[in-house]
Structures are given as C-alpha cells and as structure tokens.
Amino acid sequence: MTEDRHTRLNRLRWQSRRALLELDLLLERFWLREGELVNVEDETGLQQLLALDDYDLWALVSGTKASDSKQLEQMVARIRQA
C-alpha cells in the first residue's frame, strides 16, 4: 500500500522538527510559506536533507558547506528564502 500525498507531507513536516533551534525555526517558516507548493520532486529533496544530521544540515543551510546535488542546493535555497 502506498502512502497518499497528505500523509507523506505530514511525515516530512514531522521530520522537520529538529533539536537545533535555528533549523527548527527555519524549517517551520519554510513549511508555513512553502508547504502548499511542495511537489513530488521537492519531497525527494526534502527527504534527503532531513536524513542528514542537524549539524550537516545546518552547514548546508547556513552556507558553510555546499552540496554536490543541484536538487539539494535548490531546496536549500528555498529554505533560506522562506
């Protein structure tokens, strides 16, 4: 049985809750502003980002580290802009 889109997005929102306060605030703002615009391709990028350790994710979002993946860089840019 496959998950429906609503369930997948809710799971990603839940995974967005982070121990690092800065990330938690940025991701919460991202979901408030961009949540309705997340498409299937974005879901994949978010899954990959949210699988990272908080400090690795923060390094990407803060710009101290860059990703080799264009898709991840685009998602990080959207999170920064939110």
PDB file of N, CA and C in Angstrom:
ATOM      1  N   MET A   1       0.837  -1.180   0.000  1.00  0.00           N
ATOM      2  CA  MET A   1       0.000   0.000   0.000  1.00  0.00           C
ATOM      3  C   MET A   1       0.887   1.251   0.000  1.00  0.00           C
ATOM      4  N   THR A   2       0.598   2.190  -0.840  1.00  0.00           N
ATOM      5  CA  THR A   2       1.389   3.410  -0.911  1.00  0.00           C
ATOM      6  C   THR A   2       0.738   4.508  -0.073  1.00  0.00           C
ATOM      7  N   GLU A   3       1.580   5.352   0.438  1.00  0.00           N
ATOM      8  CA  GLU A   3       1.086   6.476   1.227  1.00  0.00           C
ATOM      9  C   GLU A   3       0.504   7.537   0.296  1.00  0.00           C
ATOM     10  N   ASP A   4      -0.529   8.181   0.735  1.00  0.00           N
ATOM     11  CA  ASP A   4      -1.048   9.282  -0.063  1.00  0.00           C
ATOM     12  C   ASP A   4      -0.192  10.528   0.196  1.00  0.00           C
ATOM     13  N   ARG A   5      -0.349  11.493  -0.662  1.00  0.00           N
ATOM     14  CA  ARG A   5       0.470  12.706  -0.621  1.00  0.00           C
ATOM     15  C   ARG A   5       0.369  13.432   0.721  1.00  0.00           C
ATOM     16  N   HIS A   6      -0.826  13.548   1.241  1.00  0.00           N
ATOM     17  CA  HIS A   6      -1.030  14.236   2.517  1.00  0.00           C
ATOM     18  C   HIS A   6      -0.226  13.559   3.635  1.00  0.00           C
ATOM     19  N   THR A   7      -0.249  12.259   3.674  1.00  0.00           N
ATOM     20  CA  THR A   7       0.485  11.516   4.699  1.00  0.00           C
ATOM     21  C   THR A   7       1.987  11.713   4.539  1.00  0.00           C
ATOM     22  N   ARG A   8       2.479  11.689   3.305  1.00  0.00           N
ATOM     23  CA  ARG A   8       3.914  11.890   3.063  1.00  0.00           C
ATOM     24  C   ARG A   8       4.352  13.287   3.502  1.00  0.00           C
ATOM     25  N   LEU A   9       3.547  14.287   3.182  1.00  0.00           N
ATOM     26  CA  LEU A   9       3.899  15.650   3.580  1.00  0.00           C
ATOM     27  C   LEU A   9       3.866  15.820   5.094  1.00  0.00           C
ATOM     28  N   ASN A  10       2.888  15.219   5.737  1.00  0.00           N
ATOM     29  CA  ASN A  10       2.833  15.283   7.199  1.00  0.00           C
ATOM     30  C   ASN A  10       4.052  14.613   7.825  1.00  0.00           C
ATOM     31  N   ARG A  11       4.490  13.518   7.228  1.00  0.00           N
ATOM     32  CA  ARG A  11       5.680  12.828   7.732  1.00  0.00           C
ATOM     33  C   ARG A  11       6.916  13.731   7.577  1.00  0.00           C
ATOM     34  N   LEU A  12       7.028  14.403   6.434  1.00  0.00           N
ATOM     35  CA  LEU A  12       8.155  15.315   6.221  1.00  0.00           C
ATOM     36  C   LEU A  12       8.102  16.493   7.194  1.00  0.00           C
ATOM     37  N   ARG A  13       6.921  17.015   7.440  1.00  0.00           N
ATOM     38  CA  ARG A  13       6.794  18.114   8.420  1.00  0.00           C
ATOM     39  C   ARG A  13       7.245  17.651   9.805  1.00  0.00           C
ATOM     40  N   TRP A  14       6.845  16.452  10.172  1.00  0.00           N
ATOM     41  CA  TRP A  14       7.247  15.924  11.471  1.00  0.00           C
ATOM     42  C   TRP A  14       8.765  15.745  11.532  1.00  0.00           C
ATOM     43  N   GLN A  15       9.364  15.237  10.465  1.00  0.00           N
ATOM     44  CA  GLN A  15      10.813  15.051  10.411  1.00  0.00           C
ATOM     45  C   GLN A  15      11.554  16.379  10.400  1.00  0.00           C
ATOM     46  N   SER A  16      10.863  17.447  10.072  1.00  0.00           N
ATOM     47  CA  SER A  16      11.469  18.777  10.055  1.00  0.00           C
ATOM     48  C   SER A  16      11.700  19.330  11.457  1.00  0.00           C
ATOM     49  N   ARG A  17      11.081  18.738  12.442  1.00  0.00           N
ATOM     50  CA  ARG A  17      11.300  19.165  13.823  1.00  0.00           C
ATOM     51  C   ARG A  17      12.705  18.742  14.221  1.00  0.00           C
ATOM     52  N   ARG A  18      13.548  19.706  14.520  1.00  0.00           N
ATOM     53  CA  ARG A  18      14.958  19.431  14.775  1.00  0.00           C
ATOM     54  C   ARG A  18      15.345  19.835  16.190  1.00  0.00           C
ATOM     55  N   ALA A  19      16.417  19.233  16.682  1.00  0.00           N
ATOM     56  CA  ALA A  19      16.931  19.563  18.006  1.00  0.00           C
ATOM     57  C   ALA A  19      17.647  20.914  17.987  1.00  0.00           C
ATOM     58  N   LEU A  20      18.215  21.273  16.842  1.00  0.00           N
ATOM     59  CA  LEU A  20      18.908  22.546  16.698  1.00  0.00           C
ATOM     60  C   LEU A  20      17.857  23.633  16.450  1.00  0.00           C
ATOM     61  N   LEU A  21      17.705  24.541  17.383  1.00  0.00           N
ATOM     62  CA  LEU A  21      16.640  25.547  17.341  1.00  0.00           C
ATOM     63  C   LEU A  21      16.635  26.343  16.038  1.00  0.00           C
ATOM     64  N   GLU A  22      17.813  26.740  15.577  1.00  0.00           N
ATOM     65  CA  GLU A  22      17.892  27.540  14.348  1.00  0.00           C
ATOM     66  C   GLU A  22      17.258  26.796  13.179  1.00  0.00           C
ATOM     67  N   LEU A  23      17.567  25.514  13.058  1.00  0.00           N
ATOM     68  CA  LEU A  23      16.984  24.700  11.991  1.00  0.00           C
ATOM     69  C   LEU A  23      15.485  24.549  12.182  1.00  0.00           C
ATOM     70  N   ASP A  24      15.089  24.304  13.381  1.00  0.00           N
ATOM     71  CA  ASP A  24      13.667  24.133  13.678  1.00  0.00           C
ATOM     72  C   ASP A  24      12.877  25.369  13.249  1.00  0.00           C
ATOM     73  N   LEU A  25      13.398  26.546  13.556  1.00  0.00           N
ATOM     74  CA  LEU A  25      12.721  27.789  13.191  1.00  0.00           C
ATOM     75  C   LEU A  25      12.700  28.002  11.679  1.00  0.00           C
ATOM     76  N   LEU A  26      13.818  27.757  11.017  1.00  0.00           N
ATOM     77  CA  LEU A  26      13.874  27.919   9.558  1.00  0.00           C
ATOM     78  C   LEU A  26      12.921  26.956   8.853  1.00  0.00           C
ATOM     79  N   LEU A  27      12.928  25.706   9.275  1.00  0.00           N
ATOM     80  CA  LEU A  27      12.079  24.713   8.627  1.00  0.00           C
ATOM     81  C   LEU A  27      10.603  24.961   8.916  1.00  0.00           C
ATOM     82  N   GLU A  28      10.296  25.427  10.108  1.00  0.00           N
ATOM     83  CA  GLU A  28       8.913  25.761  10.429  1.00  0.00           C
ATOM     84  C   GLU A  28       8.418  26.893   9.523  1.00  0.00           C
ATOM     85  N   ARG A  29       9.261  27.902   9.342  1.00  0.00           N
ATOM     86  CA  ARG A  29       8.906  29.013   8.464  1.00  0.00           C
ATOM     87  C   ARG A  29       8.771  28.546   7.010  1.00  0.00           C
ATOM     88  N   PHE A  30       9.659  27.632   6.589  1.00  0.00           N
ATOM     89  CA  PHE A  30       9.569  27.071   5.239  1.00  0.00           C
ATOM     90  C   PHE A  30       8.214  26.409   5.027  1.00  0.00           C
ATOM     91  N   TRP A  31       7.785  25.588   5.989  1.00  0.00           N
ATOM     92  CA  TRP A  31       6.503  24.885   5.829  1.00  0.00           C
ATOM     93  C   TRP A  31       5.330  25.854   5.827  1.00  0.00           C
ATOM     94  N   LEU A  32       5.416  26.905   6.621  1.00  0.00           N
ATOM     95  CA  LEU A  32       4.333  27.890   6.640  1.00  0.00           C
ATOM     96  C   LEU A  32       4.214  28.629   5.309  1.00  0.00           C
ATOM     97  N   ARG A  33       5.335  28.975   4.719  1.00  0.00           N
ATOM     98  CA  ARG A  33       5.330  29.778   3.493  1.00  0.00           C
ATOM     99  C   ARG A  33       5.321  28.951   2.211  1.00  0.00           C
ATOM    100  N   GLU A  34       5.934  27.781   2.241  1.00  0.00           N
ATOM    101  CA  GLU A  34       6.126  26.997   1.022  1.00  0.00           C
ATOM    102  C   GLU A  34       5.410  25.645   1.045  1.00  0.00           C
ATOM    103  N   GLY A  35       4.826  25.294   2.157  1.00  0.00           N
ATOM    104  CA  GLY A  35       4.253  23.960   2.314  1.00  0.00           C
ATOM    105  C   GLY A  35       3.272  23.554   1.230  1.00  0.00           C
ATOM    106  N   GLU A  36       2.437  24.483   0.810  1.00  0.00           N
ATOM    107  CA  GLU A  36       1.438  24.182  -0.222  1.00  0.00           C
ATOM    108  C   GLU A  36       2.062  24.030  -1.605  1.00  0.00           C
ATOM    109  N   LEU A  37       3.289  24.508  -1.777  1.00  0.00           N
ATOM    110  CA  LEU A  37       3.957  24.478  -3.076  1.00  0.00           C
ATOM    111  C   LEU A  37       4.875  23.276  -3.261  1.00  0.00           C
ATOM    112  N   VAL A  38       5.042  22.468  -2.220  1.00  0.00           N
ATOM    113  CA  VAL A  38       5.940  21.315  -2.295  1.00  0.00           C
ATOM    114  C   VAL A  38       5.358  20.274  -3.245  1.00  0.00           C
ATOM    115  N   ASN A  39       6.156  19.922  -4.268  1.00  0.00           N
ATOM    116  CA  ASN A  39       5.714  18.902  -5.227  1.00  0.00           C
ATOM    117  C   ASN A  39       6.456  17.588  -4.973  1.00  0.00           C
ATOM    118  N   VAL A  40       6.201  16.605  -5.785  1.00  0.00           N
ATOM    119  CA  VAL A  40       6.790  15.273  -5.586  1.00  0.00           C
ATOM    120  C   VAL A  40       8.318  15.332  -5.669  1.00  0.00           C
ATOM    121  N   GLU A  41       8.838  16.124  -6.600  1.00  0.00           N
ATOM    122  CA  GLU A  41      10.292  16.267  -6.727  1.00  0.00           C
ATOM    123  C   GLU A  41      10.884  16.915  -5.477  1.00  0.00           C
ATOM    124  N   ASP A  42      10.182  17.914  -4.949  1.00  0.00           N
ATOM    125  CA  ASP A  42      10.626  18.567  -3.719  1.00  0.00           C
ATOM    126  C   ASP A  42      10.636  17.591  -2.547  1.00  0.00           C
ATOM    127  N   GLU A  43       9.655  16.700  -2.523  1.00  0.00           N
ATOM    128  CA  GLU A  43       9.586  15.705  -1.444  1.00  0.00           C
ATOM    129  C   GLU A  43      10.869  14.893  -1.383  1.00  0.00           C
ATOM    130  N   THR A  44      11.377  14.502  -2.541  1.00  0.00           N
ATOM    131  CA  THR A  44      12.606  13.715  -2.596  1.00  0.00           C
ATOM    132  C   THR A  44      13.779  14.504  -2.034  1.00  0.00           C
ATOM    133  N   GLY A  45      13.891  15.763  -2.446  1.00  0.00           N
ATOM    134  CA  GLY A  45      14.960  16.612  -1.927  1.00  0.00           C
ATOM    135  C   GLY A  45      14.860  16.821  -0.431  1.00  0.00           C
ATOM    136  N   LEU A  46      13.651  17.054   0.047  1.00  0.00           N
ATOM    137  CA  LEU A  46      13.449  17.238   1.485  1.00  0.00           C
ATOM    138  C   LEU A  46      13.794  15.967   2.258  1.00  0.00           C
ATOM    139  N   GLN A  47      13.415  14.818   1.727  1.00  0.00           N
ATOM    140  CA  GLN A  47      13.747  13.552   2.395  1.00  0.00           C
ATOM    141  C   GLN A  47      15.257  13.406   2.548  1.00  0.00           C
ATOM    142  N   GLN A  48      15.983  13.745   1.498  1.00  0.00           N
ATOM    143  CA  GLN A  48      17.444  13.643   1.552  1.00  0.00           C
ATOM    144  C   GLN A  48      18.033  14.632   2.550  1.00  0.00           C
ATOM    145  N   LEU A  49      17.531  15.851   2.550  1.00  0.00           N
ATOM    146  CA  LEU A  49      18.028  16.846   3.500  1.00  0.00           C
ATOM    147  C   LEU A  49      17.715  16.463   4.941  1.00  0.00           C
ATOM    148  N   LEU A  50      16.493  16.018   5.168  1.00  0.00           N
ATOM    149  CA  LEU A  50      16.078  15.702   6.540  1.00  0.00           C
ATOM    150  C   LEU A  50      16.715  14.426   7.072  1.00  0.00           C
ATOM    151  N   ALA A  51      17.310  13.637   6.194  1.00  0.00           N
ATOM    152  CA  ALA A  51      18.033  12.442   6.630  1.00  0.00           C
ATOM    153  C   ALA A  51      19.415  12.810   7.184  1.00  0.00           C
ATOM    154  N   LEU A  52      19.851  14.044   6.937  1.00  0.00           N
ATOM    155  CA  LEU A  52      21.154  14.491   7.418  1.00  0.00           C
ATOM    156  C   LEU A  52      21.121  14.788   8.910  1.00  0.00           C
ATOM    157  N   ASP A  53      22.277  14.690   9.519  1.00  0.00           N
ATOM    158  CA  ASP A  53      22.470  15.109  10.900  1.00  0.00           C
ATOM    159  C   ASP A  53      22.196  16.614  10.983  1.00  0.00           C
ATOM    160  N   ASP A  54      21.722  17.089  12.127  1.00  0.00           N
ATOM    161  CA  ASP A  54      21.402  18.507  12.291  1.00  0.00           C
ATOM    162  C   ASP A  54      22.561  19.423  11.903  1.00  0.00           C
ATOM    163  N   TYR A  55      23.769  19.080  12.325  1.00  0.00           N
ATOM    164  CA  TYR A  55      24.898  19.963  12.063  1.00  0.00           C
ATOM    165  C   TYR A  55      25.304  19.955  10.591  1.00  0.00           C
ATOM    166  N   ASP A  56      25.152  18.824   9.919  1.00  0.00           N
ATOM    167  CA  ASP A  56      25.409  18.776   8.478  1.00  0.00           C
ATOM    168  C   ASP A  56      24.351  19.575   7.716  1.00  0.00           C
ATOM    169  N   LEU A  57      23.105  19.449   8.142  1.00  0.00           N
ATOM    170  CA  LEU A  57      22.030  20.209   7.514  1.00  0.00           C
ATOM    171  C   LEU A  57      22.226  21.698   7.763  1.00  0.00           C
ATOM    172  N   TRP A  58      22.605  22.063   8.974  1.00  0.00           N
ATOM    173  CA  TRP A  58      22.837  23.475   9.286  1.00  0.00           C
ATOM    174  C   TRP A  58      23.985  24.024   8.441  1.00  0.00           C
ATOM    175  N   ALA A  59      25.027  23.232   8.220  1.00  0.00           N
ATOM    176  CA  ALA A  59      26.156  23.672   7.392  1.00  0.00           C
ATOM    177  C   ALA A  59      25.679  23.995   5.975  1.00  0.00           C
ATOM    178  N   LEU A  60      24.772  23.194   5.438  1.00  0.00           N
ATOM    179  CA  LEU A  60      24.227  23.473   4.104  1.00  0.00           C
ATOM    180  C   LEU A  60      23.366  24.728   4.107  1.00  0.00           C
ATOM    181  N   VAL A  61      22.475  24.816   5.079  1.00  0.00           N
ATOM    182  CA  VAL A  61      21.536  25.937   5.119  1.00  0.00           C
ATOM    183  C   VAL A  61      22.255  27.255   5.424  1.00  0.00           C
ATOM    184  N   SER A  62      23.263  27.208   6.255  1.00  0.00           N
ATOM    185  CA  SER A  62      23.992  28.435   6.609  1.00  0.00           C
ATOM    186  C   SER A  62      25.017  28.827   5.553  1.00  0.00           C
ATOM    187  N   GLY A  63      25.295  27.930   4.617  1.00  0.00           N
ATOM    188  CA  GLY A  63      26.214  28.245   3.530  1.00  0.00           C
ATOM    189  C   GLY A  63      27.670  27.936   3.796  1.00  0.00           C
ATOM    190  N   THR A  64      27.969  27.303   4.918  1.00  0.00           N
ATOM    191  CA  THR A  64      29.365  26.960   5.200  1.00  0.00           C
ATOM    192  C   THR A  64      29.795  25.691   4.475  1.00  0.00           C
ATOM    193  N   LYS A  65      28.838  24.987   3.909  1.00  0.00           N
ATOM    194  CA  LYS A  65      29.111  23.759   3.166  1.00  0.00           C
ATOM    195  C   LYS A  65      28.177  23.748   1.950  1.00  0.00           C
ATOM    196  N   ALA A  66      28.646  23.186   0.846  1.00  0.00           N
ATOM    197  CA  ALA A  66      27.818  23.098  -0.358  1.00  0.00           C
ATOM    198  C   ALA A  66      27.545  21.636  -0.685  1.00  0.00           C
ATOM    199  N   SER A  67      26.428  21.386  -1.317  1.00  0.00           N
ATOM    200  CA  SER A  67      26.063  20.037  -1.733  1.00  0.00           C
ATOM    201  C   SER A  67      26.491  19.823  -3.179  1.00  0.00           C
ATOM    202  N   ASP A  68      26.793  18.588  -3.516  1.00  0.00           N
ATOM    203  CA  ASP A  68      27.119  18.237  -4.894  1.00  0.00           C
ATOM    204  C   ASP A  68      25.864  18.098  -5.742  1.00  0.00           C
ATOM    205  N   SER A  69      24.720  17.990  -5.094  1.00  0.00           N
ATOM    206  CA  SER A  69      23.458  17.768  -5.790  1.00  0.00           C
ATOM    207  C   SER A  69      22.771  19.099  -6.104  1.00  0.00           C
ATOM    208  N   LYS A  70      22.460  19.300  -7.370  1.00  0.00           N
ATOM    209  CA  LYS A  70      21.759  20.519  -7.770  1.00  0.00           C
ATOM    210  C   LYS A  70      20.373  20.577  -7.120  1.00  0.00           C
ATOM    211  N   GLN A  71      19.704  19.437  -7.034  1.00  0.00           N
ATOM    212  CA  GLN A  71      18.373  19.384  -6.434  1.00  0.00           C
ATOM    213  C   GLN A  71      18.424  19.815  -4.967  1.00  0.00           C
ATOM    214  N   LEU A  72      19.421  19.327  -4.233  1.00  0.00           N
ATOM    215  CA  LEU A  72      19.540  19.702  -2.820  1.00  0.00           C
ATOM    216  C   LEU A  72      19.878  21.178  -2.673  1.00  0.00           C
ATOM    217  N   GLU A  73      20.751  21.696  -3.535  1.00  0.00           N
ATOM    218  CA  GLU A  73      21.098  23.115  -3.480  1.00  0.00           C
ATOM    219  C   GLU A  73      19.866  23.986  -3.742  1.00  0.00           C
ATOM    220  N   GLN A  74      19.009  23.569  -4.680  1.00  0.00           N
ATOM    221  CA  GLN A  74      17.790  24.322  -4.954  1.00  0.00           C
ATOM    222  C   GLN A  74      16.844  24.299  -3.759  1.00  0.00           C
ATOM    223  N   MET A  75      16.747  23.147  -3.099  1.00  0.00           N
ATOM    224  CA  MET A  75      15.879  23.037  -1.926  1.00  0.00           C
ATOM    225  C   MET A  75      16.433  23.878  -0.782  1.00  0.00           C
ATOM    226  N   VAL A  76      17.738  23.846  -0.593  1.00  0.00           N
ATOM    227  CA  VAL A  76      18.364  24.667   0.447  1.00  0.00           C
ATOM    228  C   VAL A  76      18.104  26.148   0.181  1.00  0.00           C
ATOM    229  N   ALA A  77      18.188  26.558  -1.077  1.00  0.00           N
ATOM    230  CA  ALA A  77      17.922  27.959  -1.426  1.00  0.00           C
ATOM    231  C   ALA A  77      16.483  28.340  -1.081  1.00  0.00           C
ATOM    232  N   ARG A  78      15.543  27.447  -1.329  1.00  0.00           N
ATOM    233  CA  ARG A  78      14.139  27.715  -0.983  1.00  0.00           C
ATOM    234  C   ARG A  78      13.954  27.831   0.527  1.00  0.00           C
ATOM    235  N   ILE A  79      14.648  26.999   1.275  1.00  0.00           N
ATOM    236  CA  ILE A  79      14.553  27.058   2.744  1.00  0.00           C
ATOM    237  C   ILE A  79      15.120  28.387   3.227  1.00  0.00           C
ATOM    238  N   ARG A  80      16.240  28.815   2.657  1.00  0.00           N
ATOM    239  CA  ARG A  80      16.854  30.090   3.051  1.00  0.00           C
ATOM    240  C   ARG A  80      15.923  31.260   2.759  1.00  0.00           C
ATOM    241  N   GLN A  81      15.236  31.213   1.617  1.00  0.00           N
ATOM    242  CA  GLN A  81      14.382  32.323   1.201  1.00  0.00           C
ATOM    243  C   GLN A  81      13.084  32.407   1.995  1.00  0.00           C
ATOM    244  N   ALA A  82      12.666  31.318   2.573  1.00  0.00           N
ATOM    245  CA  ALA A  82      11.365  31.277   3.270  1.00  0.00           C
ATOM    246  C   ALA A  82      11.369  32.145   4.505  1.00  0.00           C
TER     247      ALA A  82
END
